[in-house]
Amino acid sequence: MSTTKENNDNESFTDQTTLEEVTETPIVETLIEENSEIHKVSAELADIKDKYLRLQADFENFRKRTSKEKIELISSANKALILELLPVMDDIERAEKNITDEPWDENTQKGIKLVFGKFKKTLISQGLKEMETIGQDFDVELHEAITQIPVSDDNMKGKIVDEIEKGFFLGDKIIRFAKVITGI
């Protein structure tokens, strides 16, 4: 019996077809085609996933950028109006300094100072900030030097000794540079 089995094994071994013959069969060709289609679909899926992630990131950047622009627009919306009101505020401050020189009664002076105070508070509530200048180092980014005067104190050399016109910030941005006199 064992010789019969060996003969059967040898016959099946000799009956085996080559690899080329196996790959030429319709079933194997179909499997290879399906496998290549799976690879193509997988590659397309990876490409679409990549495009989706990029689109999602672009949208997130767009959303952040428009949000930032909206905040900037809101914060600087009143810029033109405030720029028009700054000369009025300068005049009010000059008048406030000289109000005691006029022969007005005390109640009139208090009333005028109250109106001036409300005007300043309104501008401040809209984001207006006054620059501190006197005694500070001269900074080209913030100040405009009108002239220089000699100073007796060596500590005041290169510093601002007087202010001709106040400078202002609206939020964090400069809307008017301070006009100053520096010491030499």
C-alpha atoms as a PDB file:
ATOM      1  CA  MET A   1       0.000   0.000   0.000  1.00  0.00           C
ATOM      2  CA  SER A   2       2.751   2.324   0.656  1.00  0.00           C
ATOM      3  CA  THR A   3       4.077   1.920  -2.875  1.00  0.00           C
ATOM      4  CA  THR A   4       0.722   2.860  -4.277  1.00  0.00           C
ATOM      5  CA  LYS A   5       0.627   5.958  -2.160  1.00  0.00           C
ATOM      6  CA  GLU A   6       4.083   6.979  -3.336  1.00  0.00           C
ATOM      7  CA  ASN A   7       3.039   6.537  -6.934  1.00  0.00           C
ATOM      8  CA  ASN A   8      -0.014   8.683  -6.384  1.00  0.00           C
ATOM      9  CA  ASP A   9       2.146  11.400  -4.793  1.00  0.00           C
ATOM     10  CA  ASN A  10       4.575  11.277  -7.693  1.00  0.00           C
ATOM     11  CA  GLU A  11       1.757  11.459 -10.206  1.00  0.00           C
ATOM     12  CA  SER A  12       0.260  14.485  -8.461  1.00  0.00           C
ATOM     13  CA  PHE A  13       3.663  16.064  -8.287  1.00  0.00           C
ATOM     14  CA  THR A  14       4.186  15.639 -11.980  1.00  0.00           C
ATOM     15  CA  ASP A  15       0.655  16.792 -12.656  1.00  0.00           C
ATOM     16  CA  GLN A  16       1.288  20.080 -10.901  1.00  0.00           C
ATOM     17  CA  THR A  17       1.262  23.060 -13.130  1.00  0.00           C
ATOM     18  CA  THR A  18       3.839  25.798 -13.187  1.00  0.00           C
ATOM     19  CA  LEU A  19       3.328  29.182 -11.472  1.00  0.00           C
ATOM     20  CA  GLU A  20       2.808  30.859 -14.827  1.00  0.00           C
ATOM     21  CA  GLU A  21       0.082  28.445 -15.659  1.00  0.00           C
ATOM     22  CA  VAL A  22      -1.614  29.067 -12.298  1.00  0.00           C
ATOM     23  CA  THR A  23      -1.575  32.834 -12.702  1.00  0.00           C
ATOM     24  CA  GLU A  24      -3.112  32.488 -16.133  1.00  0.00           C
ATOM     25  CA  THR A  25      -6.247  30.834 -14.760  1.00  0.00           C
ATOM     26  CA  PRO A  26      -9.359  33.074 -14.678  1.00  0.00           C
ATOM     27  CA  ILE A  27      -9.836  32.796 -10.912  1.00  0.00           C
ATOM     28  CA  VAL A  28      -6.302  33.951 -10.136  1.00  0.00           C
ATOM     29  CA  GLU A  29      -6.517  36.741 -12.711  1.00  0.00           C
ATOM     30  CA  THR A  30      -9.748  37.921 -11.110  1.00  0.00           C
ATOM     31  CA  LEU A  31      -8.160  37.871  -7.654  1.00  0.00           C
ATOM     32  CA  ILE A  32      -5.157  39.857  -8.885  1.00  0.00           C
ATOM     33  CA  GLU A  33      -7.439  42.416 -10.553  1.00  0.00           C
ATOM     34  CA  GLU A  34      -9.537  42.726  -7.383  1.00  0.00           C
ATOM     35  CA  ASN A  35      -6.375  43.138  -5.315  1.00  0.00           C
ATOM     36  CA  SER A  36      -5.105  45.922  -7.604  1.00  0.00           C
ATOM     37  CA  GLU A  37      -8.554  47.566  -7.448  1.00  0.00           C
ATOM     38  CA  ILE A  38      -8.420  47.382  -3.644  1.00  0.00           C
ATOM     39  CA  HIS A  39      -5.026  49.107  -3.736  1.00  0.00           C
ATOM     40  CA  LYS A  40      -6.410  51.790  -6.068  1.00  0.00           C
ATOM     41  CA  VAL A  41      -9.449  52.357  -3.837  1.00  0.00           C
ATOM     42  CA  SER A  42      -7.210  52.442  -0.743  1.00  0.00           C
ATOM     43  CA  ALA A  43      -4.982  55.031  -2.414  1.00  0.00           C
ATOM     44  CA  GLU A  44      -8.017  57.104  -3.426  1.00  0.00           C
ATOM     45  CA  LEU A  45      -9.388  56.856   0.112  1.00  0.00           C
ATOM     46  CA  ALA A  46      -6.063  58.014   1.579  1.00  0.00           C
ATOM     47  CA  ASP A  47      -5.984  60.910  -0.910  1.00  0.00           C
ATOM     48  CA  ILE A  48      -9.560  61.934  -0.072  1.00  0.00           C
ATOM     49  CA  LYS A  49      -8.817  61.672   3.658  1.00  0.00           C
ATOM     50  CA  ASP A  50      -5.749  63.892   3.223  1.00  0.00           C
ATOM     51  CA  LYS A  51      -7.784  66.451   1.263  1.00  0.00           C
ATOM     52  CA  TYR A  52     -10.489  66.372   3.930  1.00  0.00           C
ATOM     53  CA  LEU A  53      -7.998  66.980   6.736  1.00  0.00           C
ATOM     54  CA  ARG A  54      -6.400  69.839   4.809  1.00  0.00           C
ATOM     55  CA  LEU A  55      -9.818  71.352   4.095  1.00  0.00           C
ATOM     56  CA  GLN A  56     -10.737  71.054   7.750  1.00  0.00           C
ATOM     57  CA  ALA A  57      -7.471  72.767   8.784  1.00  0.00           C
ATOM     58  CA  ASP A  58      -8.004  75.533   6.203  1.00  0.00           C
ATOM     59  CA  PHE A  59     -11.514  76.108   7.514  1.00  0.00           C
ATOM     60  CA  GLU A  60     -10.269  76.265  11.106  1.00  0.00           C
ATOM     61  CA  ASN A  61      -7.605  78.821  10.080  1.00  0.00           C
ATOM     62  CA  PHE A  62     -10.252  80.820   8.201  1.00  0.00           C
ATOM     63  CA  ARG A  63     -12.539  80.782  11.240  1.00  0.00           C
ATOM     64  CA  LYS A  64      -9.749  81.962  13.557  1.00  0.00           C
ATOM     65  CA  ARG A  65      -8.649  84.667  11.107  1.00  0.00           C
ATOM     66  CA  THR A  66     -12.173  86.045  10.613  1.00  0.00           C
ATOM     67  CA  SER A  67     -12.765  85.979  14.352  1.00  0.00           C
ATOM     68  CA  LYS A  68      -9.558  87.950  14.923  1.00  0.00           C
ATOM     69  CA  GLU A  69     -10.462  90.432  12.162  1.00  0.00           C
ATOM     70  CA  LYS A  70     -13.922  90.885  13.664  1.00  0.00           C
ATOM     71  CA  ILE A  71     -12.437  91.650  17.085  1.00  0.00           C
ATOM     72  CA  GLU A  72     -10.017  94.156  15.523  1.00  0.00           C
ATOM     73  CA  LEU A  73     -12.846  95.773  13.573  1.00  0.00           C
ATOM     74  CA  ILE A  74     -14.973  96.152  16.680  1.00  0.00           C
ATOM     75  CA  SER A  75     -12.079  97.518  18.728  1.00  0.00           C
ATOM     76  CA  SER A  76     -11.156 100.102  16.106  1.00  0.00           C
ATOM     77  CA  ALA A  77     -14.666 100.887  14.830  1.00  0.00           C
ATOM     78  CA  ASN A  78     -14.759 104.219  16.624  1.00  0.00           C
ATOM     79  CA  LYS A  79     -11.244 105.233  15.577  1.00  0.00           C
ATOM     80  CA  ALA A  80     -12.351 107.882  13.073  1.00  0.00           C
ATOM     81  CA  LEU A  81     -14.782 109.456  15.526  1.00  0.00           C
ATOM     82  CA  ILE A  82     -12.267 109.452  18.364  1.00  0.00           C
ATOM     83  CA  LEU A  83      -9.628 111.039  16.109  1.00  0.00           C
ATOM     84  CA  GLU A  84     -12.121 113.835  15.376  1.00  0.00           C
ATOM     85  CA  LEU A  85     -12.819 114.283  19.104  1.00  0.00           C
ATOM     86  CA  LEU A  86      -9.159 114.455  20.217  1.00  0.00           C
ATOM     87  CA  PRO A  87      -8.759 118.155  19.315  1.00  0.00           C
ATOM     88  CA  VAL A  88     -11.975 118.843  21.257  1.00  0.00           C
ATOM     89  CA  MET A  89     -10.483 117.028  24.241  1.00  0.00           C
ATOM     90  CA  ASP A  90      -7.295 119.113  23.926  1.00  0.00           C
ATOM     91  CA  ASP A  91      -9.407 122.288  23.999  1.00  0.00           C
ATOM     92  CA  ILE A  92     -11.370 121.006  26.988  1.00  0.00           C
ATOM     93  CA  GLU A  93      -8.155 120.315  28.913  1.00  0.00           C
ATOM     94  CA  ARG A  94      -6.845 123.799  28.147  1.00  0.00           C
ATOM     95  CA  ALA A  95     -10.158 125.288  29.244  1.00  0.00           C
ATOM     96  CA  GLU A  96     -10.150 123.179  32.390  1.00  0.00           C
ATOM     97  CA  LYS A  97      -6.716 124.550  33.339  1.00  0.00           C
ATOM     98  CA  ASN A  98      -7.910 128.126  32.843  1.00  0.00           C
ATOM     99  CA  ILE A  99     -11.405 127.814  34.306  1.00  0.00           C
ATOM    100  CA  THR A 100     -10.294 129.099  37.696  1.00  0.00           C
ATOM    101  CA  ASP A 101      -9.099 132.339  36.056  1.00  0.00           C
ATOM    102  CA  GLU A 102     -12.611 133.250  34.950  1.00  0.00           C
ATOM    103  CA  PRO A 103     -14.925 135.080  37.354  1.00  0.00           C
ATOM    104  CA  TRP A 104     -17.429 132.189  37.521  1.00  0.00           C
ATOM    105  CA  ASP A 105     -19.028 131.050  40.711  1.00  0.00           C
ATOM    106  CA  GLU A 106     -18.032 127.776  42.291  1.00  0.00           C
ATOM    107  CA  ASN A 107     -21.128 125.827  41.120  1.00  0.00           C
ATOM    108  CA  THR A 108     -20.558 126.785  37.485  1.00  0.00           C
ATOM    109  CA  GLN A 109     -16.939 125.636  37.710  1.00  0.00           C
ATOM    110  CA  LYS A 110     -18.023 122.297  39.272  1.00  0.00           C
ATOM    111  CA  GLY A 111     -20.639 121.799  36.540  1.00  0.00           C
ATOM    112  CA  ILE A 112     -18.145 122.471  33.751  1.00  0.00           C
ATOM    113  CA  LYS A 113     -15.581 120.120  35.355  1.00  0.00           C
ATOM    114  CA  LEU A 114     -18.287 117.456  35.666  1.00  0.00           C
ATOM    115  CA  VAL A 115     -19.131 117.697  31.939  1.00  0.00           C
ATOM    116  CA  PHE A 116     -15.430 117.569  31.051  1.00  0.00           C
ATOM    117  CA  GLY A 117     -14.993 114.500  33.277  1.00  0.00           C
ATOM    118  CA  LYS A 118     -17.912 112.690  31.623  1.00  0.00           C
ATOM    119  CA  PHE A 119     -16.497 113.457  28.185  1.00  0.00           C
ATOM    120  CA  LYS A 120     -13.121 111.966  29.150  1.00  0.00           C
ATOM    121  CA  LYS A 121     -14.734 108.893  30.753  1.00  0.00           C
ATOM    122  CA  THR A 122     -16.764 108.292  27.607  1.00  0.00           C
ATOM    123  CA  LEU A 123     -13.639 108.315  25.443  1.00  0.00           C
ATOM    124  CA  ILE A 124     -11.795 106.098  27.911  1.00  0.00           C
ATOM    125  CA  SER A 125     -14.687 103.616  27.924  1.00  0.00           C
ATOM    126  CA  GLN A 126     -14.289 103.346  24.143  1.00  0.00           C
ATOM    127  CA  GLY A 127     -10.678 102.194  24.577  1.00  0.00           C
ATOM    128  CA  LEU A 128      -8.802 105.506  24.485  1.00  0.00           C
ATOM    129  CA  LYS A 129      -5.647 105.572  26.632  1.00  0.00           C
ATOM    130  CA  GLU A 130      -3.430 108.554  27.271  1.00  0.00           C
ATOM    131  CA  MET A 131       0.348 108.199  26.874  1.00  0.00           C
ATOM    132  CA  GLU A 132       2.487 108.954  29.854  1.00  0.00           C
ATOM    133  CA  THR A 133       5.358 111.070  28.563  1.00  0.00           C
ATOM    134  CA  ILE A 134       6.925 113.591  30.954  1.00  0.00           C
ATOM    135  CA  GLY A 135      10.025 112.125  32.597  1.00  0.00           C
ATOM    136  CA  GLN A 136      10.035 109.112  30.245  1.00  0.00           C
ATOM    137  CA  ASP A 137      12.835 108.216  27.844  1.00  0.00           C
ATOM    138  CA  PHE A 138      12.275 109.545  24.333  1.00  0.00           C
ATOM    139  CA  ASP A 139      10.980 106.749  22.080  1.00  0.00           C
ATOM    140  CA  VAL A 140      10.797 107.319  18.328  1.00  0.00           C
ATOM    141  CA  GLU A 141       8.005 104.720  18.109  1.00  0.00           C
ATOM    142  CA  LEU A 142       5.757 106.724  20.472  1.00  0.00           C
ATOM    143  CA  HIS A 143       6.892 110.332  20.452  1.00  0.00           C
ATOM    144  CA  GLU A 144       7.486 113.128  17.988  1.00  0.00           C
ATOM    145  CA  ALA A 145      10.202 115.527  19.154  1.00  0.00           C
ATOM    146  CA  ILE A 146       9.365 119.151  18.434  1.00  0.00           C
ATOM    147  CA  THR A 147      12.537 120.605  19.894  1.00  0.00           C
ATOM    148  CA  GLN A 148      15.284 120.050  22.431  1.00  0.00           C
ATOM    149  CA  ILE A 149      16.161 122.292  25.334  1.00  0.00           C
ATOM    150  CA  PRO A 150      19.189 122.287  27.628  1.00  0.00           C
ATOM    151  CA  VAL A 151      18.533 120.877  31.098  1.00  0.00           C
ATOM    152  CA  SER A 152      20.524 121.367  34.273  1.00  0.00           C
ATOM    153  CA  ASP A 153      19.728 117.885  35.633  1.00  0.00           C
ATOM    154  CA  ASP A 154      21.875 115.199  33.977  1.00  0.00           C
ATOM    155  CA  ASN A 155      19.166 112.613  34.681  1.00  0.00           C
ATOM    156  CA  MET A 156      16.767 114.455  32.324  1.00  0.00           C
ATOM    157  CA  LYS A 157      19.096 114.367  29.312  1.00  0.00           C
ATOM    158  CA  GLY A 158      17.458 112.334  26.543  1.00  0.00           C
ATOM    159  CA  LYS A 159      14.190 112.326  28.443  1.00  0.00           C
ATOM    160  CA  ILE A 160      10.949 114.181  27.821  1.00  0.00           C
ATOM    161  CA  VAL A 161      10.777 117.429  29.791  1.00  0.00           C
ATOM    162  CA  ASP A 162       7.529 118.887  28.398  1.00  0.00           C
ATOM    163  CA  GLU A 163       4.545 117.812  26.339  1.00  0.00           C
ATOM    164  CA  ILE A 164       3.085 120.020  23.610  1.00  0.00           C
ATOM    165  CA  GLU A 165       0.318 117.615  22.525  1.00  0.00           C
ATOM    166  CA  LYS A 166      -0.699 114.409  24.241  1.00  0.00           C
ATOM    167  CA  GLY A 167      -0.374 111.075  22.508  1.00  0.00           C
ATOM    168  CA  PHE A 168      -3.088 108.440  22.639  1.00  0.00           C
ATOM    169  CA  PHE A 169      -3.621 104.718  22.178  1.00  0.00           C
ATOM    170  CA  LEU A 170      -6.849 103.152  21.010  1.00  0.00           C
ATOM    171  CA  GLY A 171      -6.621  99.700  22.510  1.00  0.00           C
ATOM    172  CA  ASP A 172      -3.012  98.726  21.845  1.00  0.00           C
ATOM    173  CA  LYS A 173      -2.525 100.813  18.697  1.00  0.00           C
ATOM    174  CA  ILE A 174      -1.171 104.334  18.562  1.00  0.00           C
ATOM    175  CA  ILE A 175      -3.693 106.736  17.069  1.00  0.00           C
ATOM    176  CA  ARG A 176      -1.783 109.928  17.820  1.00  0.00           C
ATOM    177  CA  PHE A 177       1.899 110.391  18.600  1.00  0.00           C
ATOM    178  CA  ALA A 178       2.823 112.644  21.498  1.00  0.00           C
ATOM    179  CA  LYS A 179       4.521 115.905  20.511  1.00  0.00           C
ATOM    180  CA  VAL A 180       7.215 116.498  23.082  1.00  0.00           C
ATOM    181  CA  ILE A 181      10.251 118.534  24.058  1.00  0.00           C
ATOM    182  CA  THR A 182      13.348 116.585  25.070  1.00  0.00           C
ATOM    183  CA  GLY A 183      16.273 117.562  27.233  1.00  0.00           C
ATOM    184  CA  ILE A 184      19.858 117.789  26.031  1.00  0.00           C
END
